[in-house]
PDB file of N, CA and C in Angstrom:
ATOM      1  N   UNK A   1      -3.789  -0.596 -21.492  1.00  0.00           N
ATOM      2  CA  UNK A   1      -2.933  -1.226 -20.448  1.00  0.00           C
ATOM      3  C   UNK A   1      -3.472  -0.944 -19.065  1.00  0.00           C
ATOM      4  N   UNK A   2      -3.399  -1.928 -18.226  1.00  0.00           N
ATOM      5  CA  UNK A   2      -3.855  -1.764 -16.830  1.00  0.00           C
ATOM      6  C   UNK A   2      -2.765  -1.075 -16.007  1.00  0.00           C
ATOM      7  N   UNK A   3      -3.110  -0.678 -14.806  1.00  0.00           N
ATOM      8  CA  UNK A   3      -2.163  -0.083 -13.885  1.00  0.00           C
ATOM      9  C   UNK A   3      -1.002  -1.033 -13.609  1.00  0.00           C
ATOM     10  N   UNK A   4      -1.339  -2.306 -13.401  1.00  0.00           N
ATOM     11  CA  UNK A   4      -0.322  -3.337 -13.135  1.00  0.00           C
ATOM     12  C   UNK A   4       0.640  -3.425 -14.290  1.00  0.00           C
ATOM     13  N   UNK A   5       0.065  -3.490 -15.524  1.00  0.00           N
ATOM     14  CA  UNK A   5       0.971  -3.572 -16.702  1.00  0.00           C
ATOM     15  C   UNK A   5       1.885  -2.386 -16.842  1.00  0.00           C
ATOM     16  N   UNK A   6       1.358  -1.187 -16.626  1.00  0.00           N
ATOM     17  CA  UNK A   6       2.199  -0.021 -16.721  1.00  0.00           C
ATOM     18  C   UNK A   6       3.253   0.016 -15.653  1.00  0.00           C
ATOM     19  N   UNK A   7       2.981  -0.437 -14.462  1.00  0.00           N
ATOM     20  CA  UNK A   7       4.008  -0.482 -13.396  1.00  0.00           C
ATOM     21  C   UNK A   7       5.088  -1.419 -13.782  1.00  0.00           C
ATOM     22  N   UNK A   8       4.733  -2.581 -14.353  1.00  0.00           N
ATOM     23  CA  UNK A   8       5.798  -3.566 -14.731  1.00  0.00           C
ATOM     24  C   UNK A   8       6.644  -2.988 -15.842  1.00  0.00           C
ATOM     25  N   UNK A   9       6.023  -2.355 -16.838  1.00  0.00           N
ATOM     26  CA  UNK A   9       6.773  -1.764 -17.953  1.00  0.00           C
ATOM     27  C   UNK A   9       7.765  -0.713 -17.429  1.00  0.00           C
ATOM     28  N   UNK A  10       7.273   0.162 -16.543  1.00  0.00           N
ATOM     29  CA  UNK A  10       8.145   1.206 -15.977  1.00  0.00           C
ATOM     30  C   UNK A  10       9.308   0.590 -15.222  1.00  0.00           C
ATOM     31  N   UNK A  11       9.021  -0.427 -14.359  1.00  0.00           N
ATOM     32  CA  UNK A  11      10.050  -1.054 -13.563  1.00  0.00           C
ATOM     33  C   UNK A  11      11.114  -1.744 -14.432  1.00  0.00           C
ATOM     34  N   UNK A  12      10.688  -2.483 -15.471  1.00  0.00           N
ATOM     35  CA  UNK A  12      11.610  -3.170 -16.330  1.00  0.00           C
ATOM     36  C   UNK A  12      12.451  -2.155 -17.137  1.00  0.00           C
ATOM     37  N   UNK A  13      11.833  -1.096 -17.593  1.00  0.00           N
ATOM     38  CA  UNK A  13      12.615  -0.104 -18.374  1.00  0.00           C
ATOM     39  C   UNK A  13      13.654   0.583 -17.492  1.00  0.00           C
ATOM     40  N   UNK A  14      13.386   0.774 -16.201  1.00  0.00           N
ATOM     41  CA  UNK A  14      14.379   1.381 -15.320  1.00  0.00           C
ATOM     42  C   UNK A  14      15.491   0.394 -14.965  1.00  0.00           C
ATOM     43  N   UNK A  15      15.246  -0.875 -15.081  1.00  0.00           N
ATOM     44  CA  UNK A  15      16.242  -1.885 -14.733  1.00  0.00           C
ATOM     45  C   UNK A  15      17.207  -2.198 -15.880  1.00  0.00           C
ATOM     46  N   UNK A  16      16.748  -1.931 -17.087  1.00  0.00           N
ATOM     47  CA  UNK A  16      17.536  -2.264 -18.278  1.00  0.00           C
ATOM     48  C   UNK A  16      18.145  -0.981 -18.852  1.00  0.00           C
ATOM     49  N   UNK A  17      19.395  -1.049 -19.096  1.00  0.00           N
ATOM     50  CA  UNK A  17      20.082   0.065 -19.780  1.00  0.00           C
ATOM     51  C   UNK A  17      19.552   0.111 -21.199  1.00  0.00           C
ATOM     52  N   UNK A  18      19.117   1.293 -21.708  1.00  0.00           N
ATOM     53  CA  UNK A  18      18.535   1.368 -23.064  1.00  0.00           C
ATOM     54  C   UNK A  18      19.481   0.870 -24.157  1.00  0.00           C
ATOM     55  N   UNK A  19      20.811   0.919 -23.935  1.00  0.00           N
ATOM     56  CA  UNK A  19      21.743   0.463 -24.901  1.00  0.00           C
ATOM     57  C   UNK A  19      22.039  -1.008 -24.827  1.00  0.00           C
ATOM     58  N   UNK A  20      21.510  -1.684 -23.818  1.00  0.00           N
ATOM     59  CA  UNK A  20      21.660  -3.125 -23.675  1.00  0.00           C
ATOM     60  C   UNK A  20      20.718  -3.893 -24.566  1.00  0.00           C
ATOM     61  N   UNK A  21      21.294  -4.874 -25.243  1.00  0.00           N
ATOM     62  CA  UNK A  21      20.441  -5.711 -26.065  1.00  0.00           C
ATOM     63  C   UNK A  21      20.042  -6.959 -25.294  1.00  0.00           C
ATOM     64  N   UNK A  22      18.756  -7.162 -25.110  1.00  0.00           N
ATOM     65  CA  UNK A  22      18.248  -8.327 -24.336  1.00  0.00           C
ATOM     66  C   UNK A  22      17.655  -9.326 -25.330  1.00  0.00           C
ATOM     67  N   UNK A  23      17.631 -10.575 -24.920  1.00  0.00           N
ATOM     68  CA  UNK A  23      16.943 -11.573 -25.763  1.00  0.00           C
ATOM     69  C   UNK A  23      15.555 -11.785 -25.237  1.00  0.00           C
ATOM     70  N   UNK A  24      14.751 -12.486 -26.029  1.00  0.00           N
ATOM     71  CA  UNK A  24      13.326 -12.674 -25.753  1.00  0.00           C
ATOM     72  C   UNK A  24      13.168 -13.464 -24.422  1.00  0.00           C
ATOM     73  N   UNK A  25      14.046 -14.425 -24.190  1.00  0.00           N
ATOM     74  CA  UNK A  25      13.933 -15.240 -22.969  1.00  0.00           C
ATOM     75  C   UNK A  25      14.187 -14.398 -21.749  1.00  0.00           C
ATOM     76  N   UNK A  26      15.217 -13.590 -21.819  1.00  0.00           N
ATOM     77  CA  UNK A  26      15.567 -12.736 -20.640  1.00  0.00           C
ATOM     78  C   UNK A  26      14.403 -11.745 -20.351  1.00  0.00           C
ATOM     79  N   UNK A  27      13.861 -11.188 -21.392  1.00  0.00           N
ATOM     80  CA  UNK A  27      12.766 -10.253 -21.248  1.00  0.00           C
ATOM     81  C   UNK A  27      11.511 -10.907 -20.633  1.00  0.00           C
ATOM     82  N   UNK A  28      11.234 -12.121 -21.089  1.00  0.00           N
ATOM     83  CA  UNK A  28      10.111 -12.857 -20.468  1.00  0.00           C
ATOM     84  C   UNK A  28      10.328 -13.145 -19.026  1.00  0.00           C
ATOM     85  N   UNK A  29      11.537 -13.507 -18.668  1.00  0.00           N
ATOM     86  CA  UNK A  29      11.823 -13.808 -17.252  1.00  0.00           C
ATOM     87  C   UNK A  29      11.716 -12.523 -16.420  1.00  0.00           C
ATOM     88  N   UNK A  30      12.221 -11.413 -16.950  1.00  0.00           N
ATOM     89  CA  UNK A  30      12.114 -10.164 -16.189  1.00  0.00           C
ATOM     90  C   UNK A  30      10.661  -9.758 -15.974  1.00  0.00           C
ATOM     91  N   UNK A  31       9.853  -9.858 -16.996  1.00  0.00           N
ATOM     92  CA  UNK A  31       8.424  -9.474 -16.841  1.00  0.00           C
ATOM     93  C   UNK A  31       7.696 -10.377 -15.898  1.00  0.00           C
ATOM     94  N   UNK A  32       7.928 -11.686 -16.021  1.00  0.00           N
ATOM     95  CA  UNK A  32       7.187 -12.625 -15.131  1.00  0.00           C
ATOM     96  C   UNK A  32       7.671 -12.446 -13.700  1.00  0.00           C
ATOM     97  N   UNK A  33       8.951 -12.190 -13.506  1.00  0.00           N
ATOM     98  CA  UNK A  33       9.468 -11.928 -12.200  1.00  0.00           C
ATOM     99  C   UNK A  33       8.861 -10.673 -11.561  1.00  0.00           C
ATOM    100  N   UNK A  34       8.780  -9.615 -12.356  1.00  0.00           N
ATOM    101  CA  UNK A  34       8.167  -8.378 -11.862  1.00  0.00           C
ATOM    102  C   UNK A  34       6.691  -8.576 -11.565  1.00  0.00           C
ATOM    103  N   UNK A  35       6.006  -9.366 -12.377  1.00  0.00           N
ATOM    104  CA  UNK A  35       4.565  -9.630 -12.131  1.00  0.00           C
ATOM    105  C   UNK A  35       4.369 -10.355 -10.821  1.00  0.00           C
ATOM    106  N   UNK A  36       5.281 -11.297 -10.548  1.00  0.00           N
ATOM    107  CA  UNK A  36       5.215 -12.034  -9.277  1.00  0.00           C
ATOM    108  C   UNK A  36       5.516 -11.109  -8.094  1.00  0.00           C
ATOM    109  N   UNK A  37       6.521 -10.264  -8.208  1.00  0.00           N
ATOM    110  CA  UNK A  37       6.866  -9.308  -7.178  1.00  0.00           C
ATOM    111  C   UNK A  37       5.725  -8.293  -6.941  1.00  0.00           C
ATOM    112  N   UNK A  38       5.057  -7.864  -8.019  1.00  0.00           N
ATOM    113  CA  UNK A  38       3.977  -6.879  -7.878  1.00  0.00           C
ATOM    114  C   UNK A  38       2.836  -7.489  -7.092  1.00  0.00           C
ATOM    115  N   UNK A  39       2.570  -8.772  -7.316  1.00  0.00           N
ATOM    116  CA  UNK A  39       1.462  -9.395  -6.579  1.00  0.00           C
ATOM    117  C   UNK A  39       1.751  -9.518  -5.072  1.00  0.00           C
ATOM    118  N   UNK A  40       3.062  -9.518  -4.713  1.00  0.00           N
ATOM    119  CA  UNK A  40       3.437  -9.534  -3.293  1.00  0.00           C
ATOM    120  C   UNK A  40       3.533  -8.113  -2.678  1.00  0.00           C
ATOM    121  N   UNK A  41       4.100  -7.194  -3.428  1.00  0.00           N
ATOM    122  CA  UNK A  41       4.283  -5.809  -2.913  1.00  0.00           C
ATOM    123  C   UNK A  41       3.039  -4.972  -2.951  1.00  0.00           C
ATOM    124  N   UNK A  42       2.125  -5.287  -3.879  1.00  0.00           N
ATOM    125  CA  UNK A  42       0.942  -4.498  -4.040  1.00  0.00           C
ATOM    126  C   UNK A  42      -0.259  -5.455  -4.256  1.00  0.00           C
ATOM    127  N   UNK A  43      -0.682  -6.164  -3.169  1.00  0.00           N
ATOM    128  CA  UNK A  43      -1.723  -7.200  -3.311  1.00  0.00           C
ATOM    129  C   UNK A  43      -3.088  -6.664  -3.693  1.00  0.00           C
ATOM    130  N   UNK A  44      -3.315  -5.339  -3.618  1.00  0.00           N
ATOM    131  CA  UNK A  44      -4.608  -4.819  -4.014  1.00  0.00           C
ATOM    132  C   UNK A  44      -4.808  -4.778  -5.523  1.00  0.00           C
ATOM    133  N   UNK A  45      -3.699  -4.835  -6.269  1.00  0.00           N
ATOM    134  CA  UNK A  45      -3.803  -4.881  -7.721  1.00  0.00           C
ATOM    135  C   UNK A  45      -4.118  -6.330  -8.163  1.00  0.00           C
ATOM    136  N   UNK A  46      -4.892  -6.421  -9.202  1.00  0.00           N
ATOM    137  CA  UNK A  46      -5.234  -7.784  -9.740  1.00  0.00           C
ATOM    138  C   UNK A  46      -3.981  -8.360 -10.411  1.00  0.00           C
ATOM    139  N   UNK A  47      -3.747  -9.669 -10.154  1.00  0.00           N
ATOM    140  CA  UNK A  47      -2.635 -10.328 -10.821  1.00  0.00           C
ATOM    141  C   UNK A  47      -2.825 -10.339 -12.336  1.00  0.00           C
ATOM    142  N   UNK A  48      -1.752 -10.340 -13.070  1.00  0.00           N
ATOM    143  CA  UNK A  48      -1.823 -10.334 -14.526  1.00  0.00           C
ATOM    144  C   UNK A  48      -2.116 -11.700 -15.076  1.00  0.00           C
ATOM    145  N   UNK A  49      -2.930 -11.753 -16.117  1.00  0.00           N
ATOM    146  CA  UNK A  49      -3.178 -12.977 -16.809  1.00  0.00           C
ATOM    147  C   UNK A  49      -2.017 -13.204 -17.786  1.00  0.00           C
ATOM    148  N   UNK A  50      -1.945 -14.416 -18.356  1.00  0.00           N
ATOM    149  CA  UNK A  50      -0.898 -14.721 -19.328  1.00  0.00           C
ATOM    150  C   UNK A  50      -0.997 -13.804 -20.544  1.00  0.00           C
ATOM    151  N   UNK A  51      -2.212 -13.485 -20.970  1.00  0.00           N
ATOM    152  CA  UNK A  51      -2.376 -12.603 -22.070  1.00  0.00           C
ATOM    153  C   UNK A  51      -1.838 -11.186 -21.784  1.00  0.00           C
ATOM    154  N   UNK A  52      -2.104 -10.705 -20.584  1.00  0.00           N
ATOM    155  CA  UNK A  52      -1.642  -9.381 -20.183  1.00  0.00           C
ATOM    156  C   UNK A  52      -0.098  -9.384 -20.097  1.00  0.00           C
ATOM    157  N   UNK A  53       0.492 -10.451 -19.630  1.00  0.00           N
ATOM    158  CA  UNK A  53       1.949 -10.552 -19.548  1.00  0.00           C
ATOM    159  C   UNK A  53       2.511 -10.502 -20.982  1.00  0.00           C
ATOM    160  N   UNK A  54       1.881 -11.224 -21.919  1.00  0.00           N
ATOM    161  CA  UNK A  54       2.324 -11.176 -23.324  1.00  0.00           C
ATOM    162  C   UNK A  54       2.190  -9.769 -23.911  1.00  0.00           C
ATOM    163  N   UNK A  55       1.157  -9.044 -23.534  1.00  0.00           N
ATOM    164  CA  UNK A  55       1.046  -7.609 -23.978  1.00  0.00           C
ATOM    165  C   UNK A  55       2.135  -6.753 -23.433  1.00  0.00           C
ATOM    166  N   UNK A  56       2.521  -6.956 -22.174  1.00  0.00           N
ATOM    167  CA  UNK A  56       3.629  -6.250 -21.598  1.00  0.00           C
ATOM    168  C   UNK A  56       4.925  -6.549 -22.327  1.00  0.00           C
ATOM    169  N   UNK A  57       5.161  -7.818 -22.598  1.00  0.00           N
ATOM    170  CA  UNK A  57       6.361  -8.209 -23.339  1.00  0.00           C
ATOM    171  C   UNK A  57       6.412  -7.603 -24.695  1.00  0.00           C
ATOM    172  N   UNK A  58       5.273  -7.606 -25.401  1.00  0.00           N
ATOM    173  CA  UNK A  58       5.224  -7.018 -26.739  1.00  0.00           C
ATOM    174  C   UNK A  58       5.491  -5.509 -26.688  1.00  0.00           C
ATOM    175  N   UNK A  59       4.963  -4.822 -25.707  1.00  0.00           N
ATOM    176  CA  UNK A  59       5.174  -3.418 -25.532  1.00  0.00           C
ATOM    177  C   UNK A  59       6.665  -3.099 -25.283  1.00  0.00           C
ATOM    178  N   UNK A  60       7.272  -3.918 -24.423  1.00  0.00           N
ATOM    179  CA  UNK A  60       8.687  -3.709 -24.123  1.00  0.00           C
ATOM    180  C   UNK A  60       9.552  -4.023 -25.334  1.00  0.00           C
ATOM    181  N   UNK A  61       9.189  -5.023 -26.112  1.00  0.00           N
ATOM    182  CA  UNK A  61       9.927  -5.368 -27.315  1.00  0.00           C
ATOM    183  C   UNK A  61       9.915  -4.189 -28.337  1.00  0.00           C
ATOM    184  N   UNK A  62       8.850  -3.464 -28.310  1.00  0.00           N
ATOM    185  CA  UNK A  62       8.765  -2.279 -29.239  1.00  0.00           C
ATOM    186  C   UNK A  62       9.638  -1.110 -28.733  1.00  0.00           C
ATOM    187  N   UNK A  63       9.989  -1.129 -27.437  1.00  0.00           N
ATOM    188  CA  UNK A  63      10.803  -0.025 -26.869  1.00  0.00           C
ATOM    189  C   UNK A  63      12.246  -0.384 -26.671  1.00  0.00           C
ATOM    190  N   UNK A  64      12.594  -1.673 -26.748  1.00  0.00           N
ATOM    191  CA  UNK A  64      13.953  -2.093 -26.463  1.00  0.00           C
ATOM    192  C   UNK A  64      14.588  -2.698 -27.683  1.00  0.00           C
ATOM    193  N   UNK A  65      15.919  -2.800 -27.685  1.00  0.00           N
ATOM    194  CA  UNK A  65      16.589  -3.565 -28.697  1.00  0.00           C
ATOM    195  C   UNK A  65      16.601  -5.008 -28.326  1.00  0.00           C
ATOM    196  N   UNK A  66      15.954  -5.886 -29.120  1.00  0.00           N
ATOM    197  CA  UNK A  66      15.806  -7.264 -28.799  1.00  0.00           C
ATOM    198  C   UNK A  66      16.640  -8.091 -29.736  1.00  0.00           C
ATOM    199  N   UNK A  67      17.429  -9.007 -29.168  1.00  0.00           N
ATOM    200  CA  UNK A  67      18.208  -9.933 -29.991  1.00  0.00           C
ATOM    201  C   UNK A  67      17.425 -11.192 -30.196  1.00  0.00           C
ATOM    202  N   UNK A  68      17.255 -11.545 -31.483  1.00  0.00           N
ATOM    203  CA  UNK A  68      16.533 -12.777 -31.764  1.00  0.00           C
ATOM    204  C   UNK A  68      17.465 -13.772 -32.418  1.00  0.00           C
ATOM    205  N   UNK A  69      17.316 -15.020 -32.076  1.00  0.00           N
ATOM    206  CA  UNK A  69      18.133 -16.050 -32.704  1.00  0.00           C
ATOM    207  C   UNK A  69      17.769 -16.202 -34.160  1.00  0.00           C
ATOM    208  N   UNK A  70      18.677 -16.750 -34.959  1.00  0.00           N
ATOM    209  CA  UNK A  70      18.396 -16.978 -36.369  1.00  0.00           C
ATOM    210  C   UNK A  70      17.364 -18.080 -36.496  1.00  0.00           C
ATOM    211  N   UNK A  71      16.544 -17.973 -37.493  1.00  0.00           N
ATOM    212  CA  UNK A  71      15.570 -18.963 -37.801  1.00  0.00           C
ATOM    213  C   UNK A  71      16.225 -20.218 -38.416  1.00  0.00           C
ATOM    214  N   UNK A  72      15.510 -21.305 -38.399  1.00  0.00           N
ATOM    215  CA  UNK A  72      15.994 -22.555 -38.985  1.00  0.00           C
ATOM    216  C   UNK A  72      15.495 -22.655 -40.405  1.00  0.00           C
ATOM    217  N   UNK A  73      16.255 -23.344 -41.214  1.00  0.00           N
ATOM    218  CA  UNK A  73      15.865 -23.538 -42.614  1.00  0.00           C
ATOM    219  C   UNK A  73      15.956 -25.049 -42.959  1.00  0.00           C
ATOM    220  N   UNK A  74      14.928 -25.584 -43.483  1.00  0.00           N
ATOM    221  CA  UNK A  74      14.953 -26.978 -43.900  1.00  0.00           C
ATOM    222  C   UNK A  74      15.117 -26.975 -45.371  1.00  0.00           C
ATOM    223  N   UNK A  75      16.147 -27.714 -45.832  1.00  0.00           N
ATOM    224  CA  UNK A  75      16.456 -27.723 -47.263  1.00  0.00           C
ATOM    225  C   UNK A  75      16.596 -29.161 -47.707  1.00  0.00           C
ATOM    226  N   UNK A  76      15.844 -29.481 -48.756  1.00  0.00           N
ATOM    227  CA  UNK A  76      15.908 -30.854 -49.312  1.00  0.00           C
ATOM    228  C   UNK A  76      17.093 -30.975 -50.212  1.00  0.00           C
ATOM    229  N   UNK A  77      17.797 -32.083 -50.121  1.00  0.00           N
ATOM    230  CA  UNK A  77      19.018 -32.306 -50.961  1.00  0.00           C
ATOM    231  C   UNK A  77      18.691 -32.348 -52.415  1.00  0.00           C
ATOM    232  N   UNK A  78      17.640 -33.011 -52.773  1.00  0.00           N
ATOM    233  CA  UNK A  78      17.327 -33.231 -54.200  1.00  0.00           C
ATOM    234  C   UNK A  78      16.135 -32.383 -54.632  1.00  0.00           C
ATOM    235  N   UNK A  79      16.107 -31.146 -54.177  1.00  0.00           N
ATOM    236  CA  UNK A  79      14.973 -30.258 -54.518  1.00  0.00           C
ATOM    237  C   UNK A  79      14.999 -29.870 -56.000  1.00  0.00           C
ATOM    238  N   UNK A  80      13.869 -30.006 -56.625  1.00  0.00           N
ATOM    239  CA  UNK A  80      13.685 -29.593 -58.003  1.00  0.00           C
ATOM    240  C   UNK A  80      12.709 -28.407 -58.052  1.00  0.00           C
ATOM    241  N   UNK A  81      13.158 -27.241 -58.492  1.00  0.00           N
ATOM    242  CA  UNK A  81      12.220 -26.090 -58.491  1.00  0.00           C
ATOM    243  C   UNK A  81      11.131 -26.347 -59.527  1.00  0.00           C
ATOM    244  N   UNK A  82       9.992 -25.703 -59.348  1.00  0.00           N
ATOM    245  CA  UNK A  82       8.889 -25.897 -60.234  1.00  0.00           C
ATOM    246  C   UNK A  82       9.133 -25.288 -61.604  1.00  0.00           C
TER     247      UNK A  82
END
């Protein structure tokens, strides 16, 4: 992880109560918002690439309780098992 990525992880973790369950969309918005703020407040740091942002999101997902929507299921009416 780069310095920028670690700063974003630290900032997001301090903003979210550990007992709060966030969804994937909210987490993505938080990380992207912090990445944009970091480029303004600390212009000497390199801006994060999309891949680096995804790494940050993945790291935060491993540390936070994430709510995921149910998956979809496609079911054929006249399905015949093999």
